[in-house]
PDB file of all heavy atoms in Angstrom:
ATOM      1  N   LYS A   1      49.658 123.584-149.682  1.00  0.00           N
ATOM      2  CA  LYS A   1      48.346 123.113-149.184  1.00  0.00           C
ATOM      3  C   LYS A   1      47.525 122.454-150.272  1.00  0.00           C
ATOM      4  O   LYS A   1      46.795 121.494-150.055  1.00  0.00           O
ATOM      5  CB  LYS A   1      47.573 124.274-148.563  1.00  0.00           C
ATOM      6  CG  LYS A   1      48.166 124.781-147.258  1.00  0.00           C
ATOM      7  CD  LYS A   1      47.410 126.015-146.756  1.00  0.00           C
ATOM      8  CE  LYS A   1      48.047 126.565-145.482  1.00  0.00           C
ATOM      9  NZ  LYS A   1      47.408 127.824-145.024  1.00  0.00           N
ATOM     10  N   ALA A   2      47.669 122.976-151.503  1.00  0.00           N
ATOM     11  CA  ALA A   2      46.902 122.435-152.632  1.00  0.00           C
ATOM     12  C   ALA A   2      47.524 121.160-153.221  1.00  0.00           C
ATOM     13  O   ALA A   2      46.912 120.497-154.057  1.00  0.00           O
ATOM     14  CB  ALA A   2      46.780 123.483-153.715  1.00  0.00           C
ATOM     15  N   GLY A   3      48.761 120.876-152.808  1.00  0.00           N
ATOM     16  CA  GLY A   3      49.421 119.678-153.344  1.00  0.00           C
ATOM     17  C   GLY A   3      50.047 119.901-154.699  1.00  0.00           C
ATOM     18  O   GLY A   3      50.208 118.956-155.486  1.00  0.00           O
ATOM     19  N   VAL A   4      50.448 121.160-154.984  1.00  0.00           N
ATOM     20  CA  VAL A   4      51.109 121.483-156.243  1.00  0.00           C
ATOM     21  C   VAL A   4      52.604 121.705-155.939  1.00  0.00           C
ATOM     22  O   VAL A   4      52.937 122.569-155.137  1.00  0.00           O
ATOM     23  CB  VAL A   4      50.501 122.754-156.891  1.00  0.00           C
ATOM     24  CG1 VAL A   4      51.248 123.104-158.164  1.00  0.00           C
ATOM     25  CG2 VAL A   4      49.022 122.533-157.165  1.00  0.00           C
ATOM     26  N   PRO A   5      53.495 120.963-156.561  1.00  0.00           N
ATOM     27  CA  PRO A   5      54.923 121.120-156.262  1.00  0.00           C
ATOM     28  C   PRO A   5      55.432 122.510-156.563  1.00  0.00           C
ATOM     29  O   PRO A   5      55.190 123.084-157.634  1.00  0.00           O
ATOM     30  CB  PRO A   5      55.587 120.083-157.186  1.00  0.00           C
ATOM     31  CG  PRO A   5      54.527 119.085-157.478  1.00  0.00           C
ATOM     32  CD  PRO A   5      53.243 119.865-157.524  1.00  0.00           C
ATOM     33  N   ALA A   6      56.149 123.088-155.597  1.00  0.00           N
ATOM     34  CA  ALA A   6      56.718 124.450-155.744  1.00  0.00           C
ATOM     35  C   ALA A   6      57.879 124.577-154.783  1.00  0.00           C
ATOM     36  O   ALA A   6      58.015 123.822-153.812  1.00  0.00           O
ATOM     37  CB  ALA A   6      55.646 125.491-155.471  1.00  0.00           C
ATOM     38  N   GLY A   7      58.737 125.542-155.036  1.00  0.00           N
ATOM     39  CA  GLY A   7      59.855 125.767-154.144  1.00  0.00           C
ATOM     40  C   GLY A   7      60.492 127.118-154.340  1.00  0.00           C
ATOM     41  O   GLY A   7      60.289 127.785-155.366  1.00  0.00           O
ATOM     42  N   PRO A   8      61.285 127.549-153.368  1.00  0.00           N
ATOM     43  CA  PRO A   8      61.978 128.825-153.467  1.00  0.00           C
ATOM     44  C   PRO A   8      63.231 128.709-154.323  1.00  0.00           C
ATOM     45  O   PRO A   8      63.674 127.617-154.665  1.00  0.00           O
ATOM     46  CB  PRO A   8      62.349 129.126-152.011  1.00  0.00           C
ATOM     47  CG  PRO A   8      62.578 127.754-151.431  1.00  0.00           C
ATOM     48  CD  PRO A   8      61.578 126.848-152.101  1.00  0.00           C
ATOM     49  N   ILE A   9      63.802 129.848-154.668  1.00  0.00           N
ATOM     50  CA  ILE A   9      65.103 129.890-155.354  1.00  0.00           C
ATOM     51  C   ILE A   9      66.112 130.412-154.331  1.00  0.00           C
ATOM     52  O   ILE A   9      66.159 131.625-154.080  1.00  0.00           O
ATOM     53  CB  ILE A   9      65.043 130.756-156.618  1.00  0.00           C
ATOM     54  CG1 ILE A   9      64.006 130.201-157.586  1.00  0.00           C
ATOM     55  CG2 ILE A   9      66.416 130.834-157.284  1.00  0.00           C
ATOM     56  CD1 ILE A   9      63.725 131.096-158.768  1.00  0.00           C
ATOM     57  N   ASN A  10      66.871 129.521-153.752  1.00  0.00           N
ATOM     58  CA  ASN A  10      67.748 129.872-152.647  1.00  0.00           C
ATOM     59  C   ASN A  10      69.136 130.305-153.119  1.00  0.00           C
ATOM     60  O   ASN A  10      69.683 129.727-154.059  1.00  0.00           O
ATOM     61  CB  ASN A  10      67.919 128.651-151.709  1.00  0.00           C
ATOM     62  CG  ASN A  10      66.664 128.335-150.942  1.00  0.00           C
ATOM     63  OD1 ASN A  10      65.834 129.195-150.700  1.00  0.00           O
ATOM     64  ND2 ASN A  10      66.538 127.086-150.526  1.00  0.00           N
ATOM     65  N   ASP A  11      69.687 131.316-152.444  1.00  0.00           N
ATOM     66  CA  ASP A  11      71.130 131.514-152.584  1.00  0.00           C
ATOM     67  C   ASP A  11      71.824 130.582-151.598  1.00  0.00           C
ATOM     68  O   ASP A  11      71.183 129.826-150.856  1.00  0.00           O
ATOM     69  CB  ASP A  11      71.510 132.990-152.388  1.00  0.00           C
ATOM     70  CG  ASP A  11      71.166 133.509-150.991  1.00  0.00           C
ATOM     71  OD1 ASP A  11      71.057 132.713-150.044  1.00  0.00           O
ATOM     72  OD2 ASP A  11      71.007 134.743-150.842  1.00  0.00           O
ATOM     73  N   LEU A  12      73.155 130.560-151.581  1.00  0.00           N
ATOM     74  CA  LEU A  12      73.846 129.583-150.765  1.00  0.00           C
ATOM     75  C   LEU A  12      73.646 129.812-149.264  1.00  0.00           C
ATOM     76  O   LEU A  12      73.646 128.862-148.482  1.00  0.00           O
ATOM     77  CB  LEU A  12      75.331 129.536-151.112  1.00  0.00           C
ATOM     78  CG  LEU A  12      75.661 129.064-152.554  1.00  0.00           C
ATOM     79  CD1 LEU A  12      77.120 128.747-152.686  1.00  0.00           C
ATOM     80  CD2 LEU A  12      74.831 127.850-152.951  1.00  0.00           C
ATOM     81  N   ALA A  13      73.455 131.078-148.877  1.00  0.00           N
ATOM     82  CA  ALA A  13      73.148 131.343-147.477  1.00  0.00           C
ATOM     83  C   ALA A  13      71.803 130.710-147.107  1.00  0.00           C
ATOM     84  O   ALA A  13      71.656 130.106-146.029  1.00  0.00           O
ATOM     85  CB  ALA A  13      73.123 132.856-147.217  1.00  0.00           C
ATOM     86  N   ASP A  14      70.832 130.820-148.014  1.00  0.00           N
ATOM     87  CA  ASP A  14      69.517 130.181-147.779  1.00  0.00           C
ATOM     88  C   ASP A  14      69.661 128.661-147.712  1.00  0.00           C
ATOM     89  O   ASP A  14      69.027 127.994-146.900  1.00  0.00           O
ATOM     90  CB  ASP A  14      68.552 130.545-148.911  1.00  0.00           C
ATOM     91  CG  ASP A  14      68.241 132.024-148.986  1.00  0.00           C
ATOM     92  OD1 ASP A  14      68.193 132.684-147.928  1.00  0.00           O
ATOM     93  OD2 ASP A  14      68.045 132.524-150.121  1.00  0.00           O
ATOM     94  N   VAL A  15      70.483 128.118-148.609  1.00  0.00           N
ATOM     95  CA  VAL A  15      70.662 126.670-148.649  1.00  0.00           C
ATOM     96  C   VAL A  15      71.132 126.136-147.307  1.00  0.00           C
ATOM     97  O   VAL A  15      70.547 125.196-146.743  1.00  0.00           O
ATOM     98  CB  VAL A  15      71.660 126.265-149.763  1.00  0.00           C
ATOM     99  CG1 VAL A  15      72.035 124.791-149.650  1.00  0.00           C
ATOM    100  CG2 VAL A  15      71.059 126.553-151.155  1.00  0.00           C
ATOM    101  N   PHE A  16      72.202 126.744-146.778  1.00  0.00           N
ATOM    102  CA  PHE A  16      72.783 126.189-145.556  1.00  0.00           C
ATOM    103  C   PHE A  16      71.996 126.542-144.303  1.00  0.00           C
ATOM    104  O   PHE A  16      72.270 125.994-143.223  1.00  0.00           O
ATOM    105  CB  PHE A  16      74.252 126.608-145.446  1.00  0.00           C
ATOM    106  CG  PHE A  16      75.098 125.936-146.473  1.00  0.00           C
ATOM    107  CD1 PHE A  16      75.618 126.646-147.550  1.00  0.00           C
ATOM    108  CD2 PHE A  16      75.330 124.568-146.419  1.00  0.00           C
ATOM    109  CE1 PHE A  16      76.380 126.024-148.512  1.00  0.00           C
ATOM    110  CE2 PHE A  16      76.095 123.935-147.383  1.00  0.00           C
ATOM    111  CZ  PHE A  16      76.621 124.659-148.429  1.00  0.00           C
ATOM    112  N   ALA A  17      70.991 127.434-144.448  1.00  0.00           N
ATOM    113  CA  ALA A  17      70.078 127.724-143.349  1.00  0.00           C
ATOM    114  C   ALA A  17      68.779 126.947-143.465  1.00  0.00           C
ATOM    115  O   ALA A  17      67.962 126.990-142.548  1.00  0.00           O
ATOM    116  CB  ALA A  17      69.777 129.228-143.309  1.00  0.00           C
ATOM    117  N   ASP A  18      68.574 126.265-144.567  1.00  0.00           N
ATOM    118  CA  ASP A  18      67.331 125.540-144.800  1.00  0.00           C
ATOM    119  C   ASP A  18      67.156 124.427-143.751  1.00  0.00           C
ATOM    120  O   ASP A  18      68.093 123.655-143.512  1.00  0.00           O
ATOM    121  CB  ASP A  18      67.343 124.932-146.200  1.00  0.00           C
ATOM    122  CG  ASP A  18      65.996 124.314-146.562  1.00  0.00           C
ATOM    123  OD1 ASP A  18      65.711 123.219-146.053  1.00  0.00           O
ATOM    124  OD2 ASP A  18      65.237 124.925-147.335  1.00  0.00           O
ATOM    125  N   PRO A  19      65.993 124.321-143.121  1.00  0.00           N
ATOM    126  CA  PRO A  19      65.814 123.325-142.070  1.00  0.00           C
ATOM    127  C   PRO A  19      66.068 121.892-142.524  1.00  0.00           C
ATOM    128  O   PRO A  19      66.554 121.078-141.726  1.00  0.00           O
ATOM    129  CB  PRO A  19      64.339 123.515-141.663  1.00  0.00           C
ATOM    130  CG  PRO A  19      64.001 124.910-142.059  1.00  0.00           C
ATOM    131  CD  PRO A  19      64.801 125.197-143.292  1.00  0.00           C
ATOM    132  N   GLN A  20      65.772 121.570-143.777  1.00  0.00           N
ATOM    133  CA  GLN A  20      66.001 120.207-144.269  1.00  0.00           C
ATOM    134  C   GLN A  20      67.482 119.936-144.410  1.00  0.00           C
ATOM    135  O   GLN A  20      67.999 118.863-144.062  1.00  0.00           O
ATOM    136  CB  GLN A  20      65.274 119.986-145.597  1.00  0.00           C
ATOM    137  CG  GLN A  20      65.423 118.590-146.170  1.00  0.00           C
ATOM    138  CD  GLN A  20      64.728 117.518-145.326  1.00  0.00           C
ATOM    139  OE1 GLN A  20      63.865 117.815-144.505  1.00  0.00           O
ATOM    140  NE2 GLN A  20      65.109 116.271-145.523  1.00  0.00           N
ATOM    141  N   VAL A  21      68.230 120.920-144.963  1.00  0.00           N
ATOM    142  CA  VAL A  21      69.679 120.786-145.104  1.00  0.00           C
ATOM    143  C   VAL A  21      70.331 120.671-143.740  1.00  0.00           C
ATOM    144  O   VAL A  21      71.254 119.868-143.529  1.00  0.00           O
ATOM    145  CB  VAL A  21      70.235 121.970-145.910  1.00  0.00           C
ATOM    146  CG1 VAL A  21      71.764 121.937-145.956  1.00  0.00           C
ATOM    147  CG2 VAL A  21      69.673 121.962-147.338  1.00  0.00           C
ATOM    148  N   VAL A  22      69.850 121.465-142.788  1.00  0.00           N
ATOM    149  CA  VAL A  22      70.375 121.398-141.427  1.00  0.00           C
ATOM    150  C   VAL A  22      70.078 120.045-140.795  1.00  0.00           C
ATOM    151  O   VAL A  22      70.948 119.424-140.183  1.00  0.00           O
ATOM    152  CB  VAL A  22      69.803 122.552-140.564  1.00  0.00           C
ATOM    153  CG1 VAL A  22      70.203 122.375-139.104  1.00  0.00           C
ATOM    154  CG2 VAL A  22      70.261 123.907-141.099  1.00  0.00           C
ATOM    155  N   ALA A  23      68.832 119.576-140.967  1.00  0.00           N
ATOM    156  CA  ALA A  23      68.443 118.297-140.365  1.00  0.00           C
ATOM    157  C   ALA A  23      69.237 117.122-140.936  1.00  0.00           C
ATOM    158  O   ALA A  23      69.565 116.172-140.216  1.00  0.00           O
ATOM    159  CB  ALA A  23      66.940 118.063-140.590  1.00  0.00           C
ATOM    160  N   ARG A  24      69.575 117.207-142.212  1.00  0.00           N
ATOM    161  CA  ARG A  24      70.339 116.120-142.844  1.00  0.00           C
ATOM    162  C   ARG A  24      71.841 116.254-142.611  1.00  0.00           C
ATOM    163  O   ARG A  24      72.612 115.411-143.042  1.00  0.00           O
ATOM    164  CB  ARG A  24      70.060 116.116-144.366  1.00  0.00           C
ATOM    165  CG  ARG A  24      68.632 115.794-144.737  1.00  0.00           C
ATOM    166  CD  ARG A  24      68.267 114.351-144.496  1.00  0.00           C
ATOM    167  NE  ARG A  24      68.900 113.473-145.482  1.00  0.00           N
ATOM    168  CZ  ARG A  24      68.762 112.142-145.488  1.00  0.00           C
ATOM    169  NH1 ARG A  24      68.051 111.549-144.542  1.00  0.00           N
ATOM    170  NH2 ARG A  24      69.352 111.420-146.419  1.00  0.00           N
ATOM    171  N   LYS A  25      72.245 117.340-141.923  1.00  0.00           N
ATOM    172  CA  LYS A  25      73.647 117.563-141.527  1.00  0.00           C
ATOM    173  C   LYS A  25      74.577 117.505-142.746  1.00  0.00           C
ATOM    174  O   LYS A  25      75.632 116.857-142.726  1.00  0.00           O
ATOM    175  CB  LYS A  25      74.067 116.525-140.465  1.00  0.00           C
ATOM    176  CG  LYS A  25      73.251 116.643-139.193  1.00  0.00           C
ATOM    177  CD  LYS A  25      73.680 115.601-138.159  1.00  0.00           C
ATOM    178  CE  LYS A  25      72.842 115.731-136.897  1.00  0.00           C
ATOM    179  NZ  LYS A  25      73.191 114.708-135.878  1.00  0.00           N
ATOM    180  N   LEU A  26      74.192 118.226-143.802  1.00  0.00           N
ATOM    181  CA  LEU A  26      75.002 118.238-145.022  1.00  0.00           C
ATOM    182  C   LEU A  26      76.256 119.095-144.878  1.00  0.00           C
ATOM    183  O   LEU A  26      77.284 118.818-145.474  1.00  0.00           O
ATOM    184  CB  LEU A  26      74.153 118.728-146.208  1.00  0.00           C
ATOM    185  CG  LEU A  26      73.160 117.696-146.703  1.00  0.00           C
ATOM    186  CD1 LEU A  26      72.061 118.321-147.540  1.00  0.00           C
ATOM    187  CD2 LEU A  26      73.870 116.609-147.501  1.00  0.00           C
ATOM    188  N   ARG A  27      76.171 120.149-144.069  1.00  0.00           N
ATOM    189  CA  ARG A  27      77.398 120.912-143.777  1.00  0.00           C
ATOM    190  C   ARG A  27      78.196 120.154-142.716  1.00  0.00           C
ATOM    191  O   ARG A  27      77.643 119.648-141.731  1.00  0.00           O
ATOM    192  CB  ARG A  27      77.069 122.309-143.252  1.00  0.00           C
ATOM    193  CG  ARG A  27      78.347 123.009-142.777  1.00  0.00           C
ATOM    194  CD  ARG A  27      78.188 124.407-142.318  1.00  0.00           C
ATOM    195  NE  ARG A  27      79.445 124.841-141.704  1.00  0.00           N
ATOM    196  CZ  ARG A  27      79.860 126.095-141.603  1.00  0.00           C
ATOM    197  NH1 ARG A  27      79.106 127.060-142.095  1.00  0.00           N
ATOM    198  NH2 ARG A  27      81.010 126.397-141.030  1.00  0.00           N
ATOM    199  N   ILE A  28      79.483 120.084-142.966  1.00  0.00           N
ATOM    200  CA  ILE A  28      80.384 119.462-141.997  1.00  0.00           C
ATOM    201  C   ILE A  28      81.528 120.408-141.687  1.00  0.00           C
ATOM    202  O   ILE A  28      81.815 121.332-142.439  1.00  0.00           O
ATOM    203  CB  ILE A  28      80.930 118.108-142.541  1.00  0.00           C
ATOM    204  CG1 ILE A  28      81.634 118.338-143.878  1.00  0.00           C
ATOM    205  CG2 ILE A  28      79.815 117.075-142.640  1.00  0.00           C
ATOM    206  CD1 ILE A  28      82.369 117.132-144.397  1.00  0.00           C
ATOM    207  N   ASP A  29      82.203 120.157-140.583  1.00  0.00           N
ATOM    208  CA  ASP A  29      83.358 120.957-140.166  1.00  0.00           C
ATOM    209  C   ASP A  29      84.442 120.036-139.667  1.00  0.00           C
ATOM    210  O   ASP A  29      84.697 119.962-138.458  1.00  0.00           O
ATOM    211  CB  ASP A  29      82.928 121.970-139.094  1.00  0.00           C
ATOM    212  CG  ASP A  29      81.995 123.051-139.641  1.00  0.00           C
ATOM    213  OD1 ASP A  29      82.505 124.006-140.251  1.00  0.00           O
ATOM    214  OD2 ASP A  29      80.770 122.907-139.495  1.00  0.00           O
ATOM    215  N   PRO A  30      85.107 119.326-140.599  1.00  0.00           N
ATOM    216  CA  PRO A  30      86.179 118.420-140.169  1.00  0.00           C
ATOM    217  C   PRO A  30      87.277 119.175-139.422  1.00  0.00           C
ATOM    218  O   PRO A  30      87.712 120.248-139.890  1.00  0.00           O
ATOM    219  CB  PRO A  30      86.717 117.838-141.483  1.00  0.00           C
ATOM    220  CG  PRO A  30      85.631 118.074-142.478  1.00  0.00           C
ATOM    221  CD  PRO A  30      84.950 119.328-142.047  1.00  0.00           C
ATOM    222  N   PRO A  31      87.732 118.643-138.310  1.00  0.00           N
ATOM    223  CA  PRO A  31      88.745 119.358-137.524  1.00  0.00           C
ATOM    224  C   PRO A  31      90.091 119.456-138.249  1.00  0.00           C
ATOM    225  O   PRO A  31      90.491 118.546-138.981  1.00  0.00           O
ATOM    226  CB  PRO A  31      88.877 118.507-136.250  1.00  0.00           C
ATOM    227  CG  PRO A  31      88.388 117.167-136.639  1.00  0.00           C
ATOM    228  CD  PRO A  31      87.319 117.383-137.665  1.00  0.00           C
ATOM    229  N   SER A  32      90.745 120.594-138.062  1.00  0.00           N
ATOM    230  CA  SER A  32      92.073 120.815-138.627  1.00  0.00           C
ATOM    231  C   SER A  32      92.903 121.554-137.615  1.00  0.00           C
ATOM    232  O   SER A  32      92.507 122.632-137.153  1.00  0.00           O
ATOM    233  CB  SER A  32      91.970 121.635-139.922  1.00  0.00           C
ATOM    234  OG  SER A  32      93.254 122.067-140.340  1.00  0.00           O
ATOM    235  N   ALA A  33      94.053 120.987-137.277  1.00  0.00           N
ATOM    236  CA  ALA A  33      94.902 121.582-136.242  1.00  0.00           C
ATOM    237  C   ALA A  33      95.463 122.928-136.661  1.00  0.00           C
ATOM    238  O   ALA A  33      95.843 123.739-135.823  1.00  0.00           O
ATOM    239  CB  ALA A  33      96.044 120.618-135.882  1.00  0.00           C
ATOM    240  N   HIS A  34      95.517 123.151-137.993  1.00  0.00           N
ATOM    241  CA  HIS A  34      96.189 124.364-138.474  1.00  0.00           C
ATOM    242  C   HIS A  34      95.232 125.465-138.906  1.00  0.00           C
ATOM    243  O   HIS A  34      95.621 126.626-139.011  1.00  0.00           O
ATOM    244  CB  HIS A  34      97.103 123.996-139.652  1.00  0.00           C
ATOM    245  CG  HIS A  34      98.062 122.888-139.342  1.00  0.00           C
ATOM    246  ND1 HIS A  34      99.062 122.997-138.409  1.00  0.00           N
ATOM    247  CD2 HIS A  34      98.139 121.620-139.825  1.00  0.00           C
ATOM    248  CE1 HIS A  34      99.731 121.862-138.341  1.00  0.00           C
ATOM    249  NE2 HIS A  34      99.194 121.013-139.182  1.00  0.00           N
ATOM    250  N   ALA A  35      93.971 125.130-139.158  1.00  0.00           N
ATOM    251  CA  ALA A  35      93.037 126.112-139.696  1.00  0.00           C
ATOM    252  C   ALA A  35      92.515 127.043-138.607  1.00  0.00           C
ATOM    253  O   ALA A  35      92.366 126.659-137.445  1.00  0.00           O
ATOM    254  CB  ALA A  35      91.862 125.409-140.370  1.00  0.00           C
ATOM    255  N   LYS A  36      92.254 128.272-139.000  1.00  0.00           N
ATOM    256  CA  LYS A  36      91.654 129.237-138.085  1.00  0.00           C
ATOM    257  C   LYS A  36      90.294 128.695-137.628  1.00  0.00           C
ATOM    258  O   LYS A  36      89.473 128.286-138.437  1.00  0.00           O
ATOM    259  CB  LYS A  36      91.478 130.568-138.799  1.00  0.00           C
ATOM    260  CG  LYS A  36      90.996 131.693-137.915  1.00  0.00           C
ATOM    261  CD  LYS A  36      90.954 133.007-138.696  1.00  0.00           C
ATOM    262  CE  LYS A  36      90.516 134.156-137.814  1.00  0.00           C
ATOM    263  NZ  LYS A  36      90.511 135.455-138.562  1.00  0.00           N
ATOM    264  N   GLY A  37      90.079 128.698-136.332  1.00  0.00           N
ATOM    265  CA  GLY A  37      88.836 128.148-135.802  1.00  0.00           C
ATOM    266  C   GLY A  37      88.857 126.641-135.607  1.00  0.00           C
ATOM    267  O   GLY A  37      87.891 126.061-135.106  1.00  0.00           O
ATOM    268  N   GLY A  38      89.951 125.981-136.037  1.00  0.00           N
ATOM    269  CA  GLY A  38      90.112 124.572-135.780  1.00  0.00           C
ATOM    270  C   GLY A  38      89.384 123.628-136.701  1.00  0.00           C
ATOM    271  O   GLY A  38      89.332 122.424-136.446  1.00  0.00           O
ATOM    272  N   ALA A  39      88.816 124.149-137.806  1.00  0.00           N
ATOM    273  CA  ALA A  39      88.070 123.275-138.733  1.00  0.00           C
ATOM    274  C   ALA A  39      88.067 123.906-140.123  1.00  0.00           C
ATOM    275  O   ALA A  39      88.261 125.106-140.264  1.00  0.00           O
ATOM    276  CB  ALA A  39      86.651 123.034-138.242  1.00  0.00           C
TER     277      ALA A  39
END
């Protein structure tokens, strides 16, 4: 609110749950016929 740059220190679970990371679709799941779950 004050306009002072700040941020959290995320672990990787936090990173991939972050709304900005989700919105930018940085995680991908390329399909694989052989992998468990198909990707």
